Amino acid sequence: MKEIILDTETTGISVEEGHRIVEIGCIELDNLIPTKNNFHYYINPERKVSEDAFKVHGYQDSFLSKQKKFSEIAFEFLKFIEGKRLVIHNADFDLAHLNNELKLFGKEQIKNEVIDTLSLARDKFPGSQVSLDALCKRFRIDNSKRTFHTALVDCDLLAKVYINLTDQREPKLDFKTDDQEFKNISNFSNNYFKKVIKPSITELSQHKEFLKLHFKKNNF
């Protein structure tokens, strides 16, 4: 099953107080690797942004009023997430707002399987700070671009956090014993937070010579 890293920004916290979504960002993962198939929209919330929310994401009413309404992008959004597992940090918040938007124009609630990385982090690190920034710090993920909370930036960071939370930090290599033993190195993904350095042709040659001498010396 493919997974969708999802994040929203809103005009405020409470759906009950009439707050609405101003931005949706989604990044698709296939076997924990980003597919470059993303979904992103700024949204006209048809109301003013609260002062507290503005301090978080910085989106002005004048900018948002020129964007599409949620009802105009809803079908595209639902198609994008169809049949995929959703990965969300503090899922209750985002799902409450998404389901509210869907309810406003007569659509059913989201029924996708959901993984809440906030719950995963609390289980894994009880008593520790588990905000997205705190988890980035714990896993040494660069979050310097996060001057404001923006959906796609947060999704990118959450994807890296999620990989670490599930202990799948790097793709596995299938090494061979013949001349093709290093052929998979070039297929490493740069989407992981750790830097992978590809050995040079000279280094590979020296390594093979070392193995030959080692085996000969030890009569293998």
C-alpha atoms as a PDB file:
ATOM      1  CA  MET A   1       0.000   0.000   0.000  1.00  0.00           C
ATOM      2  CA  LYS A   2       1.245   3.449  -0.879  1.00  0.00           C
ATOM      3  CA  GLU A   3       1.232   6.045   1.873  1.00  0.00           C
ATOM      4  CA  ILE A   4       0.433   9.750   1.912  1.00  0.00           C
ATOM      5  CA  ILE A   5       2.238  12.150   4.234  1.00  0.00           C
ATOM      6  CA  LEU A   6      -0.422  14.808   4.871  1.00  0.00           C
ATOM      7  CA  ASP A   7      -0.492  18.209   6.532  1.00  0.00           C
ATOM      8  CA  THR A   8      -2.933  21.113   6.663  1.00  0.00           C
ATOM      9  CA  GLU A   9      -2.805  24.718   7.797  1.00  0.00           C
ATOM     10  CA  THR A  10      -5.944  26.440   9.065  1.00  0.00           C
ATOM     11  CA  THR A  11      -7.464  29.772  10.093  1.00  0.00           C
ATOM     12  CA  GLY A  12      -7.478  28.600  13.713  1.00  0.00           C
ATOM     13  CA  ILE A  13      -7.659  25.589  15.968  1.00  0.00           C
ATOM     14  CA  SER A  14     -11.312  24.788  16.549  1.00  0.00           C
ATOM     15  CA  VAL A  15     -13.747  23.505  13.934  1.00  0.00           C
ATOM     16  CA  GLU A  16     -16.554  24.311  16.376  1.00  0.00           C
ATOM     17  CA  GLU A  17     -15.573  27.992  16.166  1.00  0.00           C
ATOM     18  CA  GLY A  18     -15.880  27.903  12.385  1.00  0.00           C
ATOM     19  CA  HIS A  19     -12.217  27.683  11.474  1.00  0.00           C
ATOM     20  CA  ARG A  20     -11.333  26.424   8.011  1.00  0.00           C
ATOM     21  CA  ILE A  21      -8.429  24.990   6.027  1.00  0.00           C
ATOM     22  CA  VAL A  22      -6.105  27.395   4.184  1.00  0.00           C
ATOM     23  CA  GLU A  23      -3.555  24.900   2.818  1.00  0.00           C
ATOM     24  CA  ILE A  24      -3.261  21.173   2.081  1.00  0.00           C
ATOM     25  CA  GLY A  25       0.011  19.409   1.329  1.00  0.00           C
ATOM     26  CA  CYS A  26       0.550  15.722   0.513  1.00  0.00           C
ATOM     27  CA  ILE A  27       3.634  13.697  -0.405  1.00  0.00           C
ATOM     28  CA  GLU A  28       3.213  10.155  -1.708  1.00  0.00           C
ATOM     29  CA  LEU A  29       5.510   7.385  -0.455  1.00  0.00           C
ATOM     30  CA  ASP A  30       6.038   3.990  -2.047  1.00  0.00           C
ATOM     31  CA  ASN A  31       7.865   1.606   0.286  1.00  0.00           C
ATOM     32  CA  LEU A  32       8.885   4.677   2.332  1.00  0.00           C
ATOM     33  CA  ILE A  33      10.465   6.381  -0.688  1.00  0.00           C
ATOM     34  CA  PRO A  34       8.905   9.620  -2.032  1.00  0.00           C
ATOM     35  CA  THR A  35       7.486   9.095  -5.529  1.00  0.00           C
ATOM     36  CA  LYS A  36       7.553  12.822  -6.451  1.00  0.00           C
ATOM     37  CA  ASN A  37       3.774  12.571  -6.813  1.00  0.00           C
ATOM     38  CA  ASN A  38       2.640  15.466  -4.622  1.00  0.00           C
ATOM     39  CA  PHE A  39      -0.622  17.299  -3.981  1.00  0.00           C
ATOM     40  CA  HIS A  40      -0.682  20.920  -2.860  1.00  0.00           C
ATOM     41  CA  TYR A  41      -3.154  23.790  -2.773  1.00  0.00           C
ATOM     42  CA  TYR A  42      -3.627  27.064  -0.973  1.00  0.00           C
ATOM     43  CA  ILE A  43      -7.314  27.439  -0.177  1.00  0.00           C
ATOM     44  CA  ASN A  44      -9.725  30.328   0.217  1.00  0.00           C
ATOM     45  CA  PRO A  45     -11.250  29.695   3.679  1.00  0.00           C
ATOM     46  CA  GLU A  46     -14.043  32.222   3.093  1.00  0.00           C
ATOM     47  CA  ARG A  47     -13.280  33.823   6.440  1.00  0.00           C
ATOM     48  CA  LYS A  48     -10.455  35.708   8.144  1.00  0.00           C
ATOM     49  CA  VAL A  49      -7.341  34.078   9.552  1.00  0.00           C
ATOM     50  CA  SER A  50      -6.982  34.400  13.324  1.00  0.00           C
ATOM     51  CA  GLU A  51      -3.992  36.320  14.691  1.00  0.00           C
ATOM     52  CA  ASP A  52      -2.582  33.196  16.335  1.00  0.00           C
ATOM     53  CA  ALA A  53      -2.821  31.178  13.114  1.00  0.00           C
ATOM     54  CA  PHE A  54      -1.213  33.996  11.119  1.00  0.00           C
ATOM     55  CA  LYS A  55       1.783  33.870  13.475  1.00  0.00           C
ATOM     56  CA  VAL A  56       2.119  30.155  12.697  1.00  0.00           C
ATOM     57  CA  HIS A  57       1.866  30.097   8.874  1.00  0.00           C
ATOM     58  CA  GLY A  58       1.946  33.758   7.792  1.00  0.00           C
ATOM     59  CA  TYR A  59      -0.794  33.545   5.143  1.00  0.00           C
ATOM     60  CA  GLN A  60      -2.619  36.837   4.705  1.00  0.00           C
ATOM     61  CA  ASP A  61      -6.347  37.153   4.002  1.00  0.00           C
ATOM     62  CA  SER A  62      -5.645  39.111   0.812  1.00  0.00           C
ATOM     63  CA  PHE A  63      -3.549  36.228  -0.544  1.00  0.00           C
ATOM     64  CA  LEU A  64      -5.971  33.465   0.483  1.00  0.00           C
ATOM     65  CA  SER A  65      -9.029  35.240  -0.919  1.00  0.00           C
ATOM     66  CA  LYS A  66      -7.605  34.743  -4.434  1.00  0.00           C
ATOM     67  CA  GLN A  67      -7.219  30.959  -4.072  1.00  0.00           C
ATOM     68  CA  LYS A  68      -9.627  28.144  -4.936  1.00  0.00           C
ATOM     69  CA  LYS A  69     -12.246  27.090  -2.408  1.00  0.00           C
ATOM     70  CA  PHE A  70     -12.041  23.638  -0.837  1.00  0.00           C
ATOM     71  CA  SER A  71     -15.093  22.471  -2.795  1.00  0.00           C
ATOM     72  CA  GLU A  72     -13.173  23.203  -6.020  1.00  0.00           C
ATOM     73  CA  ILE A  73     -10.248  20.939  -5.152  1.00  0.00           C
ATOM     74  CA  ALA A  74     -12.016  18.307  -3.025  1.00  0.00           C
ATOM     75  CA  PHE A  75     -12.578  15.701  -5.760  1.00  0.00           C
ATOM     76  CA  GLU A  76      -8.948  15.928  -6.864  1.00  0.00           C
ATOM     77  CA  PHE A  77      -7.847  15.548  -3.235  1.00  0.00           C
ATOM     78  CA  LEU A  78     -10.080  12.529  -2.611  1.00  0.00           C
ATOM     79  CA  LYS A  79      -8.813  10.888  -5.806  1.00  0.00           C
ATOM     80  CA  PHE A  80      -5.213  11.498  -4.747  1.00  0.00           C
ATOM     81  CA  ILE A  81      -5.629   9.786  -1.357  1.00  0.00           C
ATOM     82  CA  GLU A  82      -7.944   7.005  -2.559  1.00  0.00           C
ATOM     83  CA  GLY A  83      -6.865   3.582  -1.303  1.00  0.00           C
ATOM     84  CA  LYS A  84      -3.740   4.906   0.415  1.00  0.00           C
ATOM     85  CA  ARG A  85      -2.695   4.976   4.061  1.00  0.00           C
ATOM     86  CA  LEU A  86      -2.499   8.490   5.555  1.00  0.00           C
ATOM     87  CA  VAL A  87       0.450   9.457   7.755  1.00  0.00           C
ATOM     88  CA  ILE A  88      -0.285  12.578   9.825  1.00  0.00           C
ATOM     89  CA  HIS A  89       1.299  14.236  12.854  1.00  0.00           C
ATOM     90  CA  ASN A  90      -1.512  14.874  15.356  1.00  0.00           C
ATOM     91  CA  ALA A  91      -4.035  13.248  13.042  1.00  0.00           C
ATOM     92  CA  ASP A  92      -7.106  14.216  15.082  1.00  0.00           C
ATOM     93  CA  PHE A  93      -6.561  17.894  14.260  1.00  0.00           C
ATOM     94  CA  ASP A  94      -6.128  17.505  10.501  1.00  0.00           C
ATOM     95  CA  LEU A  95      -8.881  14.924  10.118  1.00  0.00           C
ATOM     96  CA  ALA A  96     -11.344  17.072  12.084  1.00  0.00           C
ATOM     97  CA  HIS A  97     -10.763  19.959   9.680  1.00  0.00           C
ATOM     98  CA  LEU A  98     -10.777  17.809   6.550  1.00  0.00           C
ATOM     99  CA  ASN A  99     -13.959  16.020   7.550  1.00  0.00           C
ATOM    100  CA  ASN A 100     -15.570  19.353   8.385  1.00  0.00           C
ATOM    101  CA  GLU A 101     -14.748  20.687   4.915  1.00  0.00           C
ATOM    102  CA  LEU A 102     -16.198  17.562   3.320  1.00  0.00           C
ATOM    103  CA  LYS A 103     -19.314  17.777   5.477  1.00  0.00           C
ATOM    104  CA  LEU A 104     -19.930  21.395   4.430  1.00  0.00           C
ATOM    105  CA  PHE A 105     -20.730  20.280   0.896  1.00  0.00           C
ATOM    106  CA  GLY A 106     -22.319  16.928   1.634  1.00  0.00           C
ATOM    107  CA  LYS A 107     -19.438  14.482   1.324  1.00  0.00           C
ATOM    108  CA  GLU A 108     -18.671  11.506   3.581  1.00  0.00           C
ATOM    109  CA  GLN A 109     -15.850  11.504   6.085  1.00  0.00           C
ATOM    110  CA  ILE A 110     -12.406  10.168   5.216  1.00  0.00           C
ATOM    111  CA  LYS A 111     -12.231   6.407   5.767  1.00  0.00           C
ATOM    112  CA  ASN A 112      -8.589   5.768   4.903  1.00  0.00           C
ATOM    113  CA  GLU A 113      -6.332   3.890   7.276  1.00  0.00           C
ATOM    114  CA  VAL A 114      -4.440   6.487   9.334  1.00  0.00           C
ATOM    115  CA  ILE A 115      -1.098   6.398  11.135  1.00  0.00           C
ATOM    116  CA  ASP A 116      -0.612   9.168  13.693  1.00  0.00           C
ATOM    117  CA  THR A 117       3.112   9.852  14.065  1.00  0.00           C
ATOM    118  CA  LEU A 118       2.393  11.800  17.254  1.00  0.00           C
ATOM    119  CA  SER A 119       1.101   8.590  18.853  1.00  0.00           C
ATOM    120  CA  LEU A 120       4.029   6.598  17.443  1.00  0.00           C
ATOM    121  CA  ALA A 121       6.487   9.083  18.942  1.00  0.00           C
ATOM    122  CA  ARG A 122       4.761   9.101  22.331  1.00  0.00           C
ATOM    123  CA  ASP A 123       4.911   5.304  22.467  1.00  0.00           C
ATOM    124  CA  LYS A 124       8.549   5.223  21.425  1.00  0.00           C
ATOM    125  CA  PHE A 125       9.764   8.136  23.565  1.00  0.00           C
ATOM    126  CA  PRO A 126       7.452   8.349  26.597  1.00  0.00           C
ATOM    127  CA  GLY A 127       7.816  11.586  28.529  1.00  0.00           C
ATOM    128  CA  SER A 128       9.859  13.287  25.802  1.00  0.00           C
ATOM    129  CA  GLN A 129       8.968  16.202  23.550  1.00  0.00           C
ATOM    130  CA  VAL A 130       7.318  14.846  20.401  1.00  0.00           C
ATOM    131  CA  SER A 131       6.556  17.943  18.341  1.00  0.00           C
ATOM    132  CA  LEU A 132       7.747  17.841  14.741  1.00  0.00           C
ATOM    133  CA  ASP A 133      10.617  20.205  15.572  1.00  0.00           C
ATOM    134  CA  ALA A 134      11.637  18.095  18.594  1.00  0.00           C
ATOM    135  CA  LEU A 135      11.640  14.913  16.507  1.00  0.00           C
ATOM    136  CA  CYS A 136      13.693  16.579  13.776  1.00  0.00           C
ATOM    137  CA  LYS A 137      16.237  17.525  16.446  1.00  0.00           C
ATOM    138  CA  ARG A 138      16.257  13.992  17.879  1.00  0.00           C
ATOM    139  CA  PHE A 139      16.860  12.417  14.463  1.00  0.00           C
ATOM    140  CA  ARG A 140      19.244  15.165  13.283  1.00  0.00           C
ATOM    141  CA  ILE A 141      16.991  16.214  10.429  1.00  0.00           C
ATOM    142  CA  ASP A 142      17.642  19.704   9.073  1.00  0.00           C
ATOM    143  CA  ASN A 143      14.526  21.814   9.671  1.00  0.00           C
ATOM    144  CA  SER A 144      16.127  25.207   9.073  1.00  0.00           C
ATOM    145  CA  LYS A 145      13.653  25.926   6.242  1.00  0.00           C
ATOM    146  CA  ARG A 146      10.757  25.743   8.701  1.00  0.00           C
ATOM    147  CA  THR A 147      10.600  29.433   9.550  1.00  0.00           C
ATOM    148  CA  PHE A 148       6.802  29.163   9.229  1.00  0.00           C
ATOM    149  CA  HIS A 149       4.530  26.120   9.322  1.00  0.00           C
ATOM    150  CA  THR A 150       3.819  25.390   5.652  1.00  0.00           C
ATOM    151  CA  ALA A 151       2.193  22.192   4.469  1.00  0.00           C
ATOM    152  CA  LEU A 152       4.738  20.839   1.967  1.00  0.00           C
ATOM    153  CA  VAL A 153       7.778  21.715   4.089  1.00  0.00           C
ATOM    154  CA  ASP A 154       6.146  20.017   7.064  1.00  0.00           C
ATOM    155  CA  CYS A 155       5.283  16.975   4.921  1.00  0.00           C
ATOM    156  CA  ASP A 156       8.875  16.660   3.761  1.00  0.00           C
ATOM    157  CA  LEU A 157      10.143  16.785   7.350  1.00  0.00           C
ATOM    158  CA  LEU A 158       7.450  14.389   8.546  1.00  0.00           C
ATOM    159  CA  ALA A 159       8.388  11.868   5.843  1.00  0.00           C
ATOM    160  CA  LYS A 160      11.944  11.780   7.219  1.00  0.00           C
ATOM    161  CA  VAL A 161      10.687  11.575  10.813  1.00  0.00           C
ATOM    162  CA  TYR A 162       8.324   8.732   9.882  1.00  0.00           C
ATOM    163  CA  ILE A 163      11.165   6.733   8.319  1.00  0.00           C
ATOM    164  CA  ASN A 164      13.118   7.083  11.555  1.00  0.00           C
ATOM    165  CA  LEU A 165      10.154   6.254  13.776  1.00  0.00           C
ATOM    166  CA  THR A 166       9.652   3.001  11.884  1.00  0.00           C
ATOM    167  CA  ASP A 167      13.398   2.218  12.095  1.00  0.00           C
ATOM    168  CA  GLN A 168      13.736   2.126   8.313  1.00  0.00           C
ATOM    169  CA  ARG A 169      16.490   4.691   8.005  1.00  0.00           C
ATOM    170  CA  GLU A 170      18.187   3.454   4.858  1.00  0.00           C
ATOM    171  CA  PRO A 171      17.316   1.237   1.874  1.00  0.00           C
ATOM    172  CA  LYS A 172      18.888  -2.200   1.968  1.00  0.00           C
ATOM    173  CA  LEU A 173      21.450  -3.276  -0.628  1.00  0.00           C
ATOM    174  CA  ASP A 174      21.472  -6.687  -2.235  1.00  0.00           C
ATOM    175  CA  PHE A 175      25.219  -7.236  -2.587  1.00  0.00           C
ATOM    176  CA  LYS A 176      26.468  -9.832  -5.092  1.00  0.00           C
ATOM    177  CA  THR A 177      29.681 -11.869  -5.079  1.00  0.00           C
ATOM    178  CA  ASP A 178      30.427 -11.489  -8.795  1.00  0.00           C
ATOM    179  CA  ASP A 179      31.563  -8.445 -10.791  1.00  0.00           C
ATOM    180  CA  GLN A 180      28.141  -6.879 -10.293  1.00  0.00           C
ATOM    181  CA  GLU A 181      28.390  -6.830  -6.494  1.00  0.00           C
ATOM    182  CA  PHE A 182      28.227  -3.050  -6.297  1.00  0.00           C
ATOM    183  CA  LYS A 183      25.708  -2.432  -9.046  1.00  0.00           C
ATOM    184  CA  ASN A 184      22.969  -1.362  -6.637  1.00  0.00           C
ATOM    185  CA  ILE A 185      24.968   1.467  -5.097  1.00  0.00           C
ATOM    186  CA  SER A 186      23.914   3.855  -7.834  1.00  0.00           C
ATOM    187  CA  ASN A 187      20.291   3.125  -6.971  1.00  0.00           C
ATOM    188  CA  PHE A 188      20.494   4.604  -3.490  1.00  0.00           C
ATOM    189  CA  SER A 189      17.731   7.117  -2.780  1.00  0.00           C
ATOM    190  CA  ASN A 190      18.756  10.663  -1.848  1.00  0.00           C
ATOM    191  CA  ASN A 191      15.421  11.118  -0.103  1.00  0.00           C
ATOM    192  CA  TYR A 192      16.778   9.712   3.136  1.00  0.00           C
ATOM    193  CA  PHE A 193      18.292  12.144   5.585  1.00  0.00           C
ATOM    194  CA  LYS A 194      21.621  10.347   5.777  1.00  0.00           C
ATOM    195  CA  LYS A 195      24.208  11.168   3.137  1.00  0.00           C
ATOM    196  CA  VAL A 196      25.302   8.209   1.010  1.00  0.00           C
ATOM    197  CA  ILE A 197      28.691   8.421  -0.703  1.00  0.00           C
ATOM    198  CA  LYS A 198      29.224   6.371  -3.840  1.00  0.00           C
ATOM    199  CA  PRO A 199      32.728   4.790  -4.024  1.00  0.00           C
ATOM    200  CA  SER A 200      34.881   5.718  -6.982  1.00  0.00           C
ATOM    201  CA  ILE A 201      35.980   3.223  -9.647  1.00  0.00           C
ATOM    202  CA  THR A 202      39.498   3.296  -8.172  1.00  0.00           C
ATOM    203  CA  GLU A 203      38.182   2.556  -4.680  1.00  0.00           C
ATOM    204  CA  LEU A 204      36.108  -0.362  -5.964  1.00  0.00           C
ATOM    205  CA  SER A 205      39.145  -1.776  -7.779  1.00  0.00           C
ATOM    206  CA  GLN A 206      41.325  -1.439  -4.692  1.00  0.00           C
ATOM    207  CA  HIS A 207      38.682  -3.139  -2.581  1.00  0.00           C
ATOM    208  CA  LYS A 208      38.518  -6.114  -4.940  1.00  0.00           C
ATOM    209  CA  GLU A 209      42.323  -6.440  -4.936  1.00  0.00           C
ATOM    210  CA  PHE A 210      42.311  -6.375  -1.144  1.00  0.00           C
ATOM    211  CA  LEU A 211      39.733  -9.183  -1.027  1.00  0.00           C
ATOM    212  CA  LYS A 212      41.739 -11.323  -3.461  1.00  0.00           C
ATOM    213  CA  LEU A 213      44.943 -10.930  -1.411  1.00  0.00           C
ATOM    214  CA  HIS A 214      43.067 -11.596   1.822  1.00  0.00           C
ATOM    215  CA  PHE A 215      41.483 -14.803   0.519  1.00  0.00           C
ATOM    216  CA  LYS A 216      44.790 -16.016  -0.981  1.00  0.00           C
ATOM    217  CA  LYS A 217      46.723 -15.306   2.234  1.00  0.00           C
ATOM    218  CA  ASN A 218      44.205 -17.198   4.346  1.00  0.00           C
ATOM    219  CA  ASN A 219      43.864 -20.062   1.859  1.00  0.00           C
ATOM    220  CA  PHE A 220      40.128 -19.494   1.286  1.00  0.00           C
END
